[in-house]
Amino acid sequence: MDSLKELFKIGNGPSSSHTIGPERAAKKFKERTPNTEKYVVELYGSLALTGKGHLTDWIITETLKPAETKIVWMPEVVYDYHTNGMKFKALDNDGNVTEEWVVFSVGGGTIMELDQERRGPSKIYPYSKMDDIKKWCEEGKKEYWEYVVEHEGEEIFIFLKEIWDAMATAVERGIEKTGVLPGTLKLSRRAQGFYRKARNNHGRGGFLGRIFAYTLAVSEENGAGGRVVTAPTCGASGIIPGLLYALREEYDISEKELLKGLAIAGLIGNIVKENATISGAEGGCQAEVGTACAMAAGMACFLLGGSLDQIEYASEMALEHHLGLTCDPVGGYVQIPCIERNAAASARALDSAAYSLYTDGKHTISFDQVVITMGETGKDLKSEYKETSLGGLAKFRFNAEC
C-alpha cells in the first residue's frame, strides 16, 4: 500500500483523473522529449467522452506549450487496464513519430503504464486491510494514526500540515466567491449564501449549514478549475475539508489532533485505493464520493472520541450506503450532481460517525467486505454510469441553473 503522499495531491480541478493525471503525464512526456516542437495526444475511453467538460485537452495543451499539440478524441478505444487511457506522440519536423507513450490516469491523479502493478507498487505499509491494521493496533495498544506514523515516520505530519493548509485555503477562497461557474450549465455558486445563513445560527442547524457551506466552497472551487486537494479525488474534494473545517470550529480542535484525524482519513482512503478503486471512470461515484464519505466518517469518529471498532464501523457504514452510486456528470462538468453530492456526503459522514458512537462498535459487515463489494459493484456497473456522461442524469440537457 502506497504512502499517503500518493493519495493526497494538491492541484487544479475539476478532475483528478481527467485533469491532474493528464497534466502529470504531459509533464513527464515533455521531460522525455525536450526538443519536440509538435505533439499528438490520443485520448481514449472516458477521457475522450468527458474530457471537454473536465478540461483534459486544455491542461495537456497548456502543459506541452510552447510546442504545438493536436488532441485526437477516440472514445471507442478502451483498454482492459483502465478506461482513462492516453497515447502521447512526439513528432519531428517531417511529421514522423520519434517517440510514443501509452499511459493511464487511474484515479486520484495517479498515472500508470500497462506493465505496472495496479496495487500500491511502493509498498510503504505491510498491511492493507482494515482488519489486519485494527489487529495491529489492538495488540500494540495503538491508534490508527499511529500505524501511519509507524511506517511513514513523524515527518508525515509535515506533509499533512501542507495538505490541511491547502484544504483550508480552498474553503476560505471558495466562501468568498459569488457568481456562476464556468461552462454551459451556468451553475450559481451557493457557498457564501449558505454561510451567511448559518454563521449566526448557534444550534444544530447552524453547524450543519456551515458543513454544507464549507463543503460547497471547495467543491465549487474544484468545479471552476481552482486549486484543491485530491481527497481522494478532485470530484470528491469538498467532503473532508468541509467537514473538518466545521468540526475544528465547533469543537475547537487543535491542529495536532486535526492532523491525526487527517492521517486516519488517508489510511482509510488508501485501503480503498489498494483493494478496490477510487476512480469514477472505473467504479462510478461510489468510488469517489463513497470513499471520501468513508474517510470523513472515520476521521470524524476519531475526533469525537471513537474507539478502533467505532471508527471502522463509521467508515463501513458510510461506504456501504453509497454502494451502486453512479457517476453521471451532466454535460461532462464536475458540477451536477457532483457539488451537491459532496455536501450531502459530508452530512452523511458526520451522521455515520454519530451513529457508530452510540454503539459499542460491533457490527456484522466489515469495512474490508464493503470495499470488496464496492469494487465488484463498480465492475458490474454499465459504462454509461462510469464518468462517460452517456447515462443517468447526464442524458438530460440543461442550459441554466439558477
Protein backbone atom coordinates (compact mmCIF):
# COMPACT_ATOMS: atom_id res chain seq x y z
CA MET A 1 0.00 0.00 0.00
CA ASP A 2 1.37 3.39 -1.06
CA SER A 3 2.30 6.40 1.02
CA LEU A 4 -0.37 8.95 1.85
CA LYS A 5 1.68 11.27 -0.34
CA GLU A 6 0.35 9.31 -3.31
CA LEU A 7 -3.25 9.76 -2.16
CA PHE A 8 -3.44 13.41 -1.16
CA LYS A 9 -2.26 15.63 -4.01
CA ILE A 10 -2.57 19.39 -4.42
CA GLY A 11 -3.60 20.50 -7.89
CA ASN A 12 -6.16 22.19 -10.06
CA GLY A 13 -9.62 20.76 -10.62
CA PRO A 14 -12.03 19.85 -11.88
CA SER A 15 -10.93 16.20 -12.07
CA SER A 16 -8.00 14.30 -10.61
CA SER A 17 -8.21 11.61 -13.28
CA HIS A 18 -9.12 13.91 -16.17
CA THR A 19 -7.05 16.98 -15.23
CA ILE A 20 -4.29 16.27 -12.68
CA GLY A 21 -3.40 12.84 -14.11
CA PRO A 22 -3.13 14.04 -17.74
CA GLU A 23 -1.15 17.07 -16.58
CA ARG A 24 1.36 14.84 -14.77
CA ALA A 25 1.59 12.56 -17.79
CA ALA A 26 2.16 15.50 -20.14
CA LYS A 27 4.91 16.89 -17.91
CA LYS A 28 6.63 13.53 -17.80
CA PHE A 29 6.48 13.05 -21.57
CA LYS A 30 7.69 16.60 -22.17
CA GLU A 31 10.73 15.90 -19.98
CA ARG A 32 11.44 12.79 -22.04
CA THR A 33 11.19 14.69 -25.34
CA PRO A 34 12.64 18.15 -24.55
CA ASN A 35 13.27 19.38 -28.10
CA THR A 36 9.96 18.35 -29.62
CA GLU A 37 8.01 21.08 -31.42
CA LYS A 38 4.86 19.11 -32.19
CA TYR A 39 2.82 16.55 -30.28
CA VAL A 40 -0.23 14.42 -30.99
CA VAL A 41 -2.16 13.14 -27.98
CA GLU A 42 -4.84 10.49 -28.37
CA LEU A 43 -7.43 10.36 -25.61
CA TYR A 44 -9.33 7.12 -25.06
CA GLY A 45 -12.46 5.91 -23.30
CA SER A 46 -13.78 8.13 -20.53
CA LEU A 47 -11.04 10.71 -21.09
CA ALA A 48 -12.38 11.23 -24.61
CA LEU A 49 -16.06 11.14 -23.65
CA THR A 50 -15.91 13.75 -20.86
CA GLY A 51 -12.55 15.37 -21.48
CA LYS A 52 -14.01 18.63 -22.80
CA GLY A 53 -16.01 19.33 -19.66
CA HIS A 54 -13.12 18.19 -17.48
CA LEU A 55 -10.59 20.44 -19.30
CA THR A 56 -8.41 17.47 -20.30
CA ASP A 57 -7.48 18.91 -23.68
CA TRP A 58 -6.79 22.34 -22.19
CA ILE A 59 -4.46 21.10 -19.45
CA ILE A 60 -2.48 18.89 -21.84
CA THR A 61 -2.11 21.67 -24.41
CA GLU A 62 -1.06 24.16 -21.73
CA THR A 63 1.46 21.74 -20.24
CA LEU A 64 3.10 20.91 -23.56
CA LYS A 65 3.49 24.56 -24.63
CA PRO A 66 5.23 26.11 -26.48
CA ALA A 67 5.08 23.04 -28.69
CA GLU A 68 2.07 22.65 -30.98
CA THR A 69 -0.31 19.97 -29.73
CA LYS A 70 -3.11 18.18 -31.55
CA ILE A 71 -5.71 16.35 -29.47
CA VAL A 72 -7.41 13.32 -31.02
CA TRP A 73 -10.62 12.13 -29.35
CA MET A 74 -11.04 8.34 -29.54
CA PRO A 75 -13.80 7.26 -27.10
CA GLU A 76 -14.19 3.91 -28.83
CA VAL A 77 -10.74 2.80 -27.70
CA VAL A 78 -10.89 1.26 -24.21
CA TYR A 79 -8.05 -0.74 -22.66
CA ASP A 80 -8.82 -3.51 -20.18
CA TYR A 81 -6.16 -1.99 -17.89
CA HIS A 82 -8.24 1.18 -17.36
CA THR A 83 -10.66 3.26 -19.40
CA ASN A 84 -8.67 6.50 -18.88
CA GLY A 85 -6.00 5.81 -21.48
CA MET A 86 -3.79 8.26 -23.38
CA LYS A 87 -1.14 7.95 -26.06
CA PHE A 88 1.43 10.73 -26.36
CA LYS A 89 3.31 11.04 -29.66
CA ALA A 90 6.33 13.25 -30.30
CA LEU A 91 6.78 14.27 -33.97
CA ASP A 92 9.79 15.58 -35.86
CA ASN A 93 9.65 18.40 -38.41
CA ASP A 94 8.64 15.93 -41.15
CA GLY A 95 5.72 14.62 -39.13
CA ASN A 96 7.37 11.32 -38.23
CA VAL A 97 6.75 9.85 -34.80
CA THR A 98 10.02 9.84 -32.84
CA GLU A 99 8.61 8.54 -29.57
CA GLU A 100 5.25 7.45 -28.21
CA TRP A 101 3.95 6.51 -24.79
CA VAL A 102 0.74 4.87 -23.61
CA VAL A 103 -0.23 5.86 -20.08
CA PHE A 104 -3.32 5.67 -17.89
CA SER A 105 -4.85 8.03 -15.35
CA VAL A 106 -6.17 5.54 -12.82
CA GLY A 107 -7.76 7.87 -10.26
CA GLY A 108 -6.69 10.47 -7.74
CA GLY A 109 -4.14 11.93 -10.15
CA THR A 110 -2.07 8.72 -10.24
CA ILE A 111 -0.65 7.69 -13.61
CA MET A 112 0.48 4.19 -14.53
CA GLU A 113 1.77 2.23 -17.53
CA LEU A 114 0.49 -1.07 -18.91
CA ASP A 115 3.22 -3.13 -17.27
CA GLN A 116 2.75 -1.60 -13.81
CA GLU A 117 1.06 -3.42 -10.97
CA ARG A 118 -2.11 -1.51 -10.07
CA ARG A 119 -1.89 -2.24 -6.37
CA GLY A 120 0.44 0.12 -4.49
CA PRO A 121 3.83 -0.58 -6.06
CA SER A 122 5.81 1.26 -3.37
CA LYS A 123 4.53 -0.94 -0.52
CA ILE A 124 5.04 1.52 2.33
CA TYR A 125 2.57 -0.34 4.53
CA PRO A 126 2.83 -4.09 5.29
CA TYR A 127 -0.92 -4.40 5.93
CA SER A 128 -3.54 -3.09 3.53
CA LYS A 129 -6.74 -4.49 5.05
CA MET A 130 -8.60 -2.77 7.85
CA ASP A 131 -8.96 -5.99 9.86
CA ASP A 132 -5.19 -6.55 9.87
CA ILE A 133 -4.47 -2.94 10.75
CA LYS A 134 -7.01 -2.98 13.55
CA LYS A 135 -5.46 -6.16 14.95
CA TRP A 136 -2.02 -4.50 14.86
CA CYS A 137 -3.43 -1.54 16.76
CA GLU A 138 -5.18 -3.71 19.34
CA GLU A 139 -2.09 -5.82 20.02
CA GLY A 140 0.13 -2.77 20.47
CA LYS A 141 -2.44 -0.59 22.24
CA LYS A 142 -2.11 1.86 19.36
CA GLU A 143 -4.47 4.09 17.38
CA TYR A 144 -4.93 4.09 13.62
CA TRP A 145 -2.90 7.27 13.14
CA GLU A 146 0.00 5.58 14.93
CA TYR A 147 0.02 2.88 12.24
CA VAL A 148 0.57 5.68 9.72
CA VAL A 149 3.41 7.19 11.75
CA GLU A 150 4.97 3.76 12.30
CA HIS A 151 5.50 3.35 8.56
CA GLU A 152 5.74 6.92 7.27
CA GLY A 153 7.62 8.49 10.19
CA GLU A 154 6.79 11.61 12.18
CA GLU A 155 7.61 13.69 9.10
CA ILE A 156 4.27 12.63 7.63
CA PHE A 157 2.75 15.34 9.79
CA ILE A 158 4.74 17.97 7.89
CA PHE A 159 3.14 16.72 4.70
CA LEU A 160 -0.31 16.54 6.27
CA LYS A 161 0.09 20.12 7.50
CA GLU A 162 0.67 21.21 3.88
CA ILE A 163 -2.39 19.25 2.83
CA TRP A 164 -4.55 20.78 5.56
CA ASP A 165 -3.35 24.29 4.74
CA ALA A 166 -4.30 23.75 1.09
CA MET A 167 -7.71 22.40 2.12
CA ALA A 168 -8.40 25.29 4.48
CA THR A 169 -7.30 27.80 1.87
CA ALA A 170 -9.71 26.27 -0.63
CA VAL A 171 -12.55 26.62 1.88
CA GLU A 172 -11.71 30.24 2.61
CA ARG A 173 -11.21 31.12 -1.02
CA GLY A 174 -14.44 29.47 -2.11
CA ILE A 175 -16.55 31.01 0.64
CA GLU A 176 -15.64 34.49 -0.59
CA LYS A 177 -16.76 33.99 -4.18
CA THR A 178 -20.10 34.51 -5.88
CA GLY A 179 -21.30 34.38 -9.48
CA VAL A 180 -21.55 31.40 -11.78
CA LEU A 181 -19.19 28.54 -12.53
CA PRO A 182 -17.63 28.26 -16.00
CA GLY A 183 -19.43 26.15 -18.56
CA THR A 184 -22.78 25.94 -20.28
CA LEU A 185 -24.70 24.95 -17.14
CA LYS A 186 -24.32 28.45 -15.66
CA LEU A 187 -24.43 26.94 -12.18
CA SER A 188 -24.55 29.54 -9.42
CA ARG A 189 -22.11 29.43 -6.51
CA ARG A 190 -24.02 28.86 -3.27
CA ALA A 191 -21.35 28.53 -0.56
CA GLN A 192 -21.39 32.17 0.52
CA GLY A 193 -25.18 32.26 0.76
CA PHE A 194 -25.22 29.11 2.89
CA TYR A 195 -22.53 30.55 5.15
CA ARG A 196 -24.40 33.80 5.72
CA LYS A 197 -27.49 31.89 6.81
CA ALA A 198 -25.55 29.52 9.06
CA ARG A 199 -22.98 31.72 10.79
CA ASN A 200 -25.37 33.30 13.31
CA ASN A 201 -27.28 30.11 13.99
CA HIS A 202 -25.64 28.54 17.03
CA GLY A 203 -27.80 25.42 17.07
CA ARG A 204 -27.57 22.10 15.26
CA GLY A 205 -28.96 23.71 12.10
CA GLY A 206 -26.18 26.28 12.03
CA PHE A 207 -23.48 23.63 12.44
CA LEU A 208 -24.98 21.61 9.60
CA GLY A 209 -25.29 24.75 7.49
CA ARG A 210 -21.60 25.52 7.99
CA ILE A 211 -20.69 21.97 6.97
CA PHE A 212 -22.70 22.47 3.80
CA ALA A 213 -21.18 25.90 3.18
CA TYR A 214 -17.56 24.82 3.63
CA THR A 215 -18.03 21.69 1.53
CA LEU A 216 -19.73 23.67 -1.24
CA ALA A 217 -16.91 26.23 -1.12
CA VAL A 218 -14.29 23.62 -2.01
CA SER A 219 -16.46 21.74 -4.50
CA GLU A 220 -17.30 24.96 -6.30
CA GLU A 221 -13.63 25.88 -6.43
CA ASN A 222 -12.96 22.48 -7.94
CA GLY A 223 -15.76 22.89 -10.48
CA ALA A 224 -14.16 26.18 -11.53
CA GLY A 225 -10.74 24.58 -12.00
CA GLY A 226 -9.37 26.02 -8.76
CA ARG A 227 -6.65 24.58 -6.54
CA VAL A 228 -7.85 21.75 -4.31
CA VAL A 229 -6.63 18.52 -2.71
CA THR A 230 -7.49 15.09 -4.04
CA ALA A 231 -9.33 13.55 -1.09
CA PRO A 232 -9.23 11.02 -2.54
CA THR A 233 -10.15 12.69 -5.88
CA CYS A 234 -10.99 16.16 -7.14
CA GLY A 235 -14.60 15.19 -7.73
CA ALA A 236 -14.94 14.36 -4.02
CA SER A 237 -12.53 17.03 -2.80
CA GLY A 238 -15.05 19.04 -0.75
CA ILE A 239 -16.13 16.38 1.74
CA ILE A 240 -13.14 16.04 4.07
CA PRO A 241 -12.11 19.72 4.19
CA GLY A 242 -15.72 20.88 4.53
CA LEU A 243 -16.43 18.61 7.49
CA LEU A 244 -13.01 19.06 9.09
CA TYR A 245 -13.17 22.86 8.89
CA ALA A 246 -16.58 22.83 10.58
CA LEU A 247 -15.50 20.33 13.26
CA ARG A 248 -12.46 22.44 14.09
CA GLU A 249 -14.68 25.47 14.62
CA GLU A 250 -17.39 23.66 16.54
CA TYR A 251 -15.13 21.75 18.93
CA ASP A 252 -12.00 23.91 18.99
CA ILE A 253 -9.87 21.00 17.77
CA SER A 254 -6.11 21.51 17.98
CA GLU A 255 -4.02 21.26 14.86
CA LYS A 256 -2.20 18.22 16.24
CA GLU A 257 -5.46 16.30 16.69
CA LEU A 258 -6.74 17.55 13.35
CA LEU A 259 -3.68 16.15 11.55
CA LYS A 260 -4.10 12.81 13.32
CA GLY A 261 -7.66 12.71 12.02
CA LEU A 262 -6.43 13.51 8.53
CA ALA A 263 -3.91 10.65 8.79
CA ILE A 264 -6.76 8.27 9.64
CA ALA A 265 -8.80 9.57 6.72
CA GLY A 266 -5.85 8.98 4.43
CA LEU A 267 -5.34 5.46 5.74
CA ILE A 268 -8.99 4.62 5.03
CA GLY A 269 -8.74 6.07 1.52
CA ASN A 270 -5.58 4.10 0.89
CA ILE A 271 -7.29 0.84 1.87
CA VAL A 272 -9.99 1.50 -0.71
CA LYS A 273 -7.48 2.53 -3.36
CA GLU A 274 -5.45 -0.63 -2.75
CA ASN A 275 -8.30 -3.15 -2.64
CA ALA A 276 -10.89 -1.64 -4.99
CA THR A 277 -10.73 1.71 -6.82
CA ILE A 278 -11.11 5.44 -6.26
CA SER A 279 -11.70 6.13 -9.95
CA GLY A 280 -15.17 7.26 -11.02
CA ALA A 281 -14.39 6.11 -14.55
CA GLU A 282 -13.74 2.62 -13.20
CA GLY A 283 -16.15 2.26 -10.30
CA GLY A 284 -18.73 5.03 -10.52
CA CYS A 285 -19.21 7.76 -7.92
CA GLN A 286 -19.32 5.19 -5.11
CA ALA A 287 -15.55 5.01 -5.66
CA GLU A 288 -15.12 8.78 -5.30
CA VAL A 289 -17.80 10.28 -3.06
CA GLY A 290 -18.40 6.95 -1.32
CA THR A 291 -14.72 6.62 -0.45
CA ALA A 292 -14.46 10.26 0.64
CA CYS A 293 -17.51 9.83 2.87
CA ALA A 294 -15.93 6.76 4.48
CA MET A 295 -12.68 8.68 5.01
CA ALA A 296 -14.53 11.63 6.55
CA ALA A 297 -16.69 9.40 8.75
CA GLY A 298 -13.70 7.59 10.24
CA MET A 299 -11.90 10.90 10.73
CA ALA A 300 -14.90 12.48 12.45
CA CYS A 301 -15.46 9.46 14.66
CA PHE A 302 -11.86 9.62 15.86
CA LEU A 303 -12.06 13.35 16.56
CA LEU A 304 -15.27 12.82 18.54
CA GLY A 305 -13.68 10.15 20.73
CA GLY A 306 -14.45 6.93 18.88
CA SER A 307 -12.74 3.60 19.55
CA LEU A 308 -11.00 1.46 16.94
CA ASP A 309 -14.20 -0.52 16.38
CA GLN A 310 -16.38 2.57 16.20
CA ILE A 311 -14.08 4.26 13.67
CA GLU A 312 -14.12 1.16 11.48
CA TYR A 313 -17.91 0.95 11.83
CA ALA A 314 -18.42 4.59 10.86
CA SER A 315 -16.30 4.12 7.74
CA GLU A 316 -18.04 0.89 6.84
CA MET A 317 -21.48 2.45 7.20
CA ALA A 318 -20.56 5.50 5.12
CA LEU A 319 -19.24 3.42 2.23
CA GLU A 320 -21.97 0.77 2.46
CA HIS A 321 -24.70 3.32 1.92
CA HIS A 322 -23.04 4.65 -1.21
CA LEU A 323 -22.85 1.26 -2.93
CA GLY A 324 -24.03 1.47 -6.52
CA LEU A 325 -23.78 5.26 -6.74
CA THR A 326 -23.34 6.21 -10.38
CA CYS A 327 -21.02 8.79 -11.92
CA ASP A 328 -23.14 10.71 -14.43
CA PRO A 329 -21.79 14.27 -14.71
CA VAL A 330 -24.22 16.46 -16.64
CA GLY A 331 -22.53 17.93 -19.70
CA GLY A 332 -19.24 16.35 -18.65
CA TYR A 333 -18.75 19.01 -15.98
CA VAL A 334 -17.84 18.23 -12.37
CA GLN A 335 -20.79 20.32 -11.20
CA ILE A 336 -24.14 18.49 -11.37
CA PRO A 337 -24.67 16.28 -9.40
CA CYS A 338 -21.13 16.39 -8.02
CA ILE A 339 -21.14 19.60 -5.98
CA GLU A 340 -24.43 19.00 -4.19
CA ARG A 341 -23.46 15.36 -3.70
CA ASN A 342 -20.32 16.41 -1.83
CA ALA A 343 -22.39 18.48 0.61
CA ALA A 344 -24.82 15.63 1.23
CA ALA A 345 -21.94 13.20 1.80
CA SER A 346 -20.33 15.49 4.38
CA ALA A 347 -23.50 15.37 6.43
CA ARG A 348 -23.76 11.61 5.95
CA ALA A 349 -20.17 11.19 7.16
CA LEU A 350 -20.99 13.02 10.38
CA ASP A 351 -24.19 11.02 10.81
CA SER A 352 -22.28 7.76 10.32
CA ALA A 353 -19.77 8.81 12.97
CA ALA A 354 -22.55 9.84 15.37
CA TYR A 355 -24.44 6.57 14.81
CA SER A 356 -21.37 4.43 15.47
CA LEU A 357 -20.61 6.38 18.65
CA TYR A 358 -23.98 5.31 20.05
CA THR A 359 -22.95 1.67 19.61
CA ASP A 360 -20.16 -0.44 21.07
CA GLY A 361 -18.65 -0.60 17.58
CA LYS A 362 -19.66 -4.22 16.95
CA HIS A 363 -21.42 -4.89 13.64
CA THR A 364 -21.94 -7.62 11.08
CA ILE A 365 -20.40 -6.35 7.83
CA SER A 366 -16.75 -5.34 7.99
CA PHE A 367 -15.19 -2.39 6.21
CA ASP A 368 -12.99 -4.76 4.19
CA GLN A 369 -16.07 -6.64 2.97
CA VAL A 370 -17.74 -3.42 1.84
CA VAL A 371 -14.58 -2.35 0.00
CA ILE A 372 -14.51 -5.64 -1.90
CA THR A 373 -18.21 -5.33 -2.66
CA MET A 374 -17.76 -1.78 -3.91
CA GLY A 375 -15.03 -2.91 -6.29
CA GLU A 376 -17.20 -5.73 -7.61
CA THR A 377 -20.20 -3.41 -7.95
CA GLY A 378 -18.08 -0.98 -9.93
CA LYS A 379 -17.14 -3.70 -12.39
CA ASP A 380 -20.80 -4.63 -12.80
CA LEU A 381 -21.95 -1.07 -13.48
CA LYS A 382 -22.64 -0.31 -17.12
CA SER A 383 -20.11 2.01 -18.72
CA GLU A 384 -22.85 4.62 -19.14
CA TYR A 385 -22.74 5.14 -15.37
CA LYS A 386 -18.96 5.47 -15.04
CA GLU A 387 -17.95 9.04 -15.93
CA THR A 388 -18.90 8.79 -19.58
CA SER A 389 -21.88 11.20 -19.45
CA LEU A 390 -23.84 8.70 -21.54
CA GLY A 391 -26.42 7.66 -18.93
CA GLY A 392 -28.31 8.69 -15.81
CA LEU A 393 -28.72 12.40 -15.18
CA ALA A 394 -26.21 13.15 -17.91
CA LYS A 395 -28.77 12.10 -20.55
CA PHE A 396 -30.70 15.28 -19.81
CA ARG A 397 -29.55 18.58 -21.23
CA PHE A 398 -29.74 21.68 -19.07
CA ASN A 399 -28.97 25.20 -20.25
CA ALA A 400 -29.00 27.06 -16.96
CA GLU A 401 -29.21 26.66 -13.20
CA CYS A 402 -30.45 29.50 -11.01
